[in-house]
Amino acid sequence: MKKLLLPIFILLALASCKDEEPAAPKANIFFTDNVVFNSSVNSCTQTADGNIVYSGISGGAIVVTKLSNTGNLLWTTQHPIPTGIFSSITAIAEDDEQSLYVTASGQFGLFILKLNSSGNLLYNNSYNGEGPTCIIPTADGNILAVGNDFSSNIYIVKIAKDGTMLWQNTYAVSFQQQPNHIVETPQGDYLLTGSSVGFDALIYLKINAAGDVIWDKTNAISGLQMIGNTVILADGSIATCA
């Protein structure tokens, strides 16, 4: 028995001399109560003050909620659309003045709401599109919103911060398409990516700051293609998550 115990003690001693494996970092999980969403939440962005705002639809109104970075409810607000909600899709963005812009579809158009940093409504304007998918502030100090027109073409509207429409255009890259994401290039152009209506091809559309087409392409790959975000890499090439 002693001969058997000796090797065991040696193994235990050697094991105790090994460096301990570093423990995996634990995620900090926060919870919040009393958020009024009861239908859908589908867009969020981090604000310049380090907090997070969410937009969604609840009870036929657009709801915007702001949480602290520790999950505490800062404020929540609801804003009905005059013509009624057409779809549950919303998109939200913050400009360089910490104003918020939210898009949603009404029965007769695409609405853009501007809120101040406390959630108070500044305006609620209607434009010609529907089904908004994204909204971004642009480097020239304006706002760009993307959706569809009523024929499933791409619809893009550019507005000034006061809501004045600068231009609006529709684009047909393929036979009907679903835009998903838009990003501004370092040159001040806009690159939109999306999918064909049958999800059998990826679509790309590049326009300049005035809305004129620079180029458009489709990229058919086997299987269903539902595009996610696109980033422009340091060498100018494009990486798309599909």
Protein backbone atom coordinates (compact mmCIF):
# COMPACT_ATOMS: atom_id res chain seq x y z
CA MET A 1 0.00 0.00 0.00
CA LYS A 2 2.83 2.40 0.82
CA LYS A 3 4.26 1.85 -2.68
CA LEU A 4 0.91 2.85 -4.14
CA LEU A 5 0.48 5.94 -1.98
CA LEU A 6 3.91 7.41 -2.77
CA PRO A 7 3.25 8.03 -6.50
CA ILE A 8 -0.10 9.58 -5.61
CA PHE A 9 1.52 12.07 -3.21
CA ILE A 10 4.10 12.96 -5.86
CA LEU A 11 1.38 13.63 -8.45
CA LEU A 12 -0.55 15.78 -6.02
CA ALA A 13 2.56 17.78 -5.19
CA LEU A 14 3.35 18.37 -8.86
CA ALA A 15 -0.21 19.43 -9.55
CA SER A 16 -0.09 22.00 -6.77
CA CYS A 17 3.01 23.58 -8.38
CA LYS A 18 1.26 24.32 -11.69
CA ASP A 19 0.11 27.84 -12.43
CA GLU A 20 -3.61 28.12 -11.99
CA GLU A 21 -5.60 28.70 -15.16
CA PRO A 22 -6.95 32.26 -15.26
CA ALA A 23 -10.66 32.34 -14.58
CA ALA A 24 -12.85 33.47 -17.46
CA PRO A 25 -14.18 36.99 -16.88
CA LYS A 26 -17.76 37.07 -15.69
CA ALA A 27 -20.30 39.19 -17.53
CA ASN A 28 -22.04 41.92 -15.58
CA ILE A 29 -25.77 41.43 -16.09
CA PHE A 30 -28.22 44.16 -15.17
CA PHE A 31 -32.00 44.12 -15.02
CA THR A 32 -34.54 46.91 -15.17
CA ASP A 33 -38.25 47.04 -14.36
CA ASN A 34 -41.20 49.11 -15.54
CA VAL A 35 -40.18 49.52 -19.20
CA VAL A 36 -43.39 50.05 -21.14
CA PHE A 37 -42.61 47.91 -24.20
CA ASN A 38 -45.24 45.22 -24.62
CA SER A 39 -45.12 44.65 -28.37
CA SER A 40 -41.70 44.99 -30.00
CA VAL A 41 -38.28 46.49 -29.45
CA ASN A 42 -36.14 46.48 -32.57
CA SER A 43 -33.55 49.24 -32.51
CA CYS A 44 -31.10 50.66 -30.01
CA THR A 45 -28.03 52.86 -29.94
CA GLN A 46 -25.50 54.01 -27.37
CA THR A 47 -25.73 57.71 -26.63
CA ALA A 48 -22.88 60.17 -26.27
CA ASP A 49 -23.37 60.25 -22.49
CA GLY A 50 -22.63 56.50 -22.29
CA ASN A 51 -26.22 55.34 -21.87
CA ILE A 52 -28.52 53.38 -24.21
CA VAL A 53 -31.79 54.30 -25.95
CA TYR A 54 -34.26 51.80 -27.41
CA SER A 55 -37.13 52.29 -29.82
CA GLY A 56 -40.10 50.06 -30.54
CA ILE A 57 -43.86 49.90 -30.89
CA SER A 58 -46.36 49.54 -28.07
CA GLY A 59 -50.11 49.97 -28.24
CA GLY A 60 -50.05 51.72 -31.60
CA ALA A 61 -47.41 54.28 -30.59
CA ILE A 62 -43.67 54.68 -30.95
CA VAL A 63 -41.95 54.13 -27.60
CA VAL A 64 -38.47 55.39 -26.79
CA THR A 65 -36.76 54.30 -23.56
CA LYS A 66 -33.42 55.39 -22.16
CA LEU A 67 -31.47 53.21 -19.75
CA SER A 68 -28.27 53.95 -17.88
CA ASN A 69 -25.24 51.81 -18.63
CA THR A 70 -26.07 49.87 -15.46
CA GLY A 71 -29.62 49.10 -16.60
CA ASN A 72 -31.52 51.71 -14.59
CA LEU A 73 -34.52 53.33 -16.28
CA LEU A 74 -33.81 57.02 -16.94
CA TRP A 75 -36.96 57.90 -18.90
CA THR A 76 -39.50 56.48 -21.30
CA THR A 77 -41.89 58.26 -23.66
CA GLN A 78 -44.61 57.36 -26.16
CA HIS A 79 -45.50 59.19 -29.37
CA PRO A 80 -48.53 58.23 -31.49
CA ILE A 81 -48.28 58.48 -35.28
CA PRO A 82 -51.18 60.56 -36.67
CA THR A 83 -52.14 58.02 -39.37
CA GLY A 84 -51.57 54.91 -37.25
CA ILE A 85 -48.74 52.38 -37.14
CA PHE A 86 -48.25 50.46 -40.40
CA SER A 87 -45.50 48.05 -39.26
CA SER A 88 -43.60 47.21 -36.08
CA ILE A 89 -40.22 48.24 -37.50
CA THR A 90 -38.42 51.26 -36.06
CA ALA A 91 -34.89 52.65 -36.25
CA ILE A 92 -33.14 55.13 -33.95
CA ALA A 93 -30.00 57.29 -34.11
CA GLU A 94 -28.39 60.16 -32.20
CA ASP A 95 -26.79 63.23 -33.80
CA ASP A 96 -23.78 65.24 -32.61
CA GLU A 97 -26.06 67.50 -30.55
CA GLN A 98 -27.48 64.49 -28.63
CA SER A 99 -30.87 64.80 -30.31
CA LEU A 100 -32.59 61.52 -31.17
CA TYR A 101 -34.23 60.57 -34.47
CA VAL A 102 -36.69 57.68 -34.70
CA THR A 103 -38.32 56.32 -37.86
CA ALA A 104 -41.49 54.27 -38.16
CA SER A 105 -44.12 53.50 -40.78
CA GLY A 106 -47.59 55.01 -40.77
CA GLN A 107 -50.46 54.12 -43.06
CA PHE A 108 -49.49 56.82 -45.54
CA GLY A 109 -45.77 57.30 -45.16
CA LEU A 110 -42.51 57.03 -43.31
CA PHE A 111 -42.36 59.16 -40.18
CA ILE A 112 -39.27 60.67 -38.60
CA LEU A 113 -39.56 61.87 -35.02
CA LYS A 114 -36.98 64.16 -33.45
CA LEU A 115 -36.62 64.09 -29.66
CA ASN A 116 -34.33 66.02 -27.38
CA SER A 117 -32.02 64.22 -24.95
CA SER A 118 -34.83 64.10 -22.35
CA GLY A 119 -37.25 62.40 -24.74
CA ASN A 120 -39.42 65.45 -25.45
CA LEU A 121 -40.87 65.52 -28.98
CA LEU A 122 -39.52 68.30 -31.21
CA TYR A 123 -41.29 67.27 -34.42
CA ASN A 124 -43.03 64.36 -36.12
CA ASN A 125 -42.77 64.61 -39.91
CA SER A 126 -44.08 62.37 -42.67
CA TYR A 127 -42.23 61.44 -45.87
CA ASN A 128 -43.09 59.20 -48.82
CA GLY A 129 -41.53 55.83 -47.92
CA GLU A 130 -42.44 52.94 -45.65
CA GLY A 131 -40.80 50.11 -43.71
CA PRO A 132 -37.78 51.96 -42.30
CA THR A 133 -34.67 49.85 -41.74
CA CYS A 134 -32.03 52.33 -40.58
CA ILE A 135 -31.31 55.98 -39.90
CA ILE A 136 -27.91 57.66 -39.52
CA PRO A 137 -26.50 61.14 -38.90
CA THR A 138 -24.26 62.24 -41.75
CA ALA A 139 -20.92 64.01 -41.68
CA ASP A 140 -22.40 67.10 -43.34
CA GLY A 141 -24.73 67.62 -40.36
CA ASN A 142 -27.90 66.08 -41.76
CA ILE A 143 -29.92 62.87 -41.29
CA LEU A 144 -30.34 59.96 -43.73
CA ALA A 145 -33.22 57.46 -43.41
CA VAL A 146 -33.67 54.26 -45.43
CA GLY A 147 -36.75 52.17 -46.16
CA ASN A 148 -38.83 51.00 -49.11
CA ASP A 149 -41.29 52.73 -51.38
CA PHE A 150 -44.71 51.19 -51.94
CA SER A 151 -43.35 49.10 -54.87
CA SER A 152 -40.60 47.45 -52.79
CA ASN A 153 -37.86 49.61 -54.27
CA ILE A 154 -35.23 51.16 -52.00
CA TYR A 155 -36.31 54.53 -50.61
CA ILE A 156 -33.80 56.99 -49.15
CA VAL A 157 -34.61 60.42 -47.76
CA LYS A 158 -32.12 63.02 -46.54
CA ILE A 159 -33.34 65.72 -44.19
CA ALA A 160 -31.84 68.66 -42.35
CA LYS A 161 -31.91 68.56 -38.57
CA ASP A 162 -34.99 70.80 -38.56
CA GLY A 163 -36.88 68.17 -40.59
CA THR A 164 -36.70 69.95 -43.94
CA MET A 165 -36.40 67.40 -46.75
CA LEU A 166 -33.22 67.92 -48.76
CA TRP A 167 -33.88 65.14 -51.26
CA GLN A 168 -35.59 61.79 -51.63
CA ASN A 169 -34.96 59.05 -54.19
CA THR A 170 -36.03 55.51 -54.99
CA TYR A 171 -33.64 52.90 -56.39
CA ALA A 172 -34.18 49.54 -58.10
CA VAL A 173 -31.03 47.43 -57.92
CA SER A 174 -32.89 44.17 -58.62
CA PHE A 175 -36.53 43.12 -58.99
CA GLN A 176 -37.72 44.26 -55.57
CA GLN A 177 -35.28 44.45 -52.70
CA GLN A 178 -35.04 44.77 -48.95
CA PRO A 179 -32.52 47.35 -47.69
CA ASN A 180 -30.90 46.45 -44.37
CA HIS A 181 -27.97 48.73 -43.62
CA ILE A 182 -26.31 51.95 -44.75
CA VAL A 183 -22.93 53.40 -43.84
CA GLU A 184 -21.15 56.61 -44.78
CA THR A 185 -17.77 56.22 -46.48
CA PRO A 186 -14.70 58.32 -45.59
CA GLN A 187 -15.29 60.20 -48.87
CA GLY A 188 -18.80 61.28 -47.84
CA ASP A 189 -20.68 58.82 -50.04
CA TYR A 190 -23.23 56.30 -48.73
CA LEU A 191 -23.03 52.53 -49.17
CA LEU A 192 -26.28 50.61 -48.79
CA THR A 193 -26.50 46.83 -48.53
CA GLY A 194 -29.55 44.59 -48.58
CA SER A 195 -31.17 41.52 -50.06
CA SER A 196 -33.34 40.73 -53.05
CA VAL A 197 -36.98 40.04 -52.28
CA GLY A 198 -36.44 36.28 -52.64
CA PHE A 199 -33.29 36.41 -50.50
CA ASP A 200 -31.33 34.78 -53.36
CA ALA A 201 -28.83 37.63 -53.83
CA LEU A 202 -27.09 40.38 -51.90
CA ILE A 203 -27.48 43.90 -53.24
CA TYR A 204 -25.09 46.83 -52.98
CA LEU A 205 -25.84 50.46 -53.79
CA LYS A 206 -23.39 53.33 -53.57
CA ILE A 207 -24.66 56.90 -53.87
CA ASN A 208 -23.11 60.30 -53.38
CA ALA A 209 -24.18 62.94 -50.86
CA ALA A 210 -26.75 64.30 -53.35
CA GLY A 211 -28.37 60.88 -53.80
CA ASP A 212 -26.96 60.16 -57.27
CA VAL A 213 -26.00 56.56 -58.04
CA ILE A 214 -22.25 55.87 -58.21
CA TRP A 215 -22.67 52.11 -58.74
CA ASP A 216 -24.89 49.22 -57.83
CA LYS A 217 -24.26 45.47 -57.86
CA THR A 218 -25.89 42.16 -57.00
CA ASN A 219 -24.00 39.19 -55.64
CA ALA A 220 -25.82 35.87 -56.01
CA ILE A 221 -24.59 33.15 -53.65
CA SER A 222 -26.20 29.77 -53.08
CA GLY A 223 -28.66 29.62 -50.23
CA LEU A 224 -30.82 32.30 -48.68
CA GLN A 225 -29.06 35.67 -48.40
CA MET A 226 -30.15 37.98 -45.58
CA ILE A 227 -27.63 40.74 -45.18
CA GLY A 228 -26.58 42.18 -41.85
CA ASN A 229 -24.17 45.02 -41.24
CA THR A 230 -21.46 46.14 -43.64
CA VAL A 231 -18.19 47.79 -42.65
CA ILE A 232 -15.60 49.56 -44.75
CA LEU A 233 -12.12 48.28 -43.99
CA ALA A 234 -8.95 50.36 -43.74
CA ASP A 235 -7.90 49.41 -47.28
CA GLY A 236 -11.25 50.57 -48.70
CA SER A 237 -12.67 47.08 -49.24
CA ILE A 238 -16.10 46.02 -47.94
CA ALA A 239 -16.93 43.30 -45.43
CA THR A 240 -20.54 42.17 -45.21
CA CYS A 241 -22.18 39.91 -42.64
CA ALA A 242 -24.79 37.77 -44.38
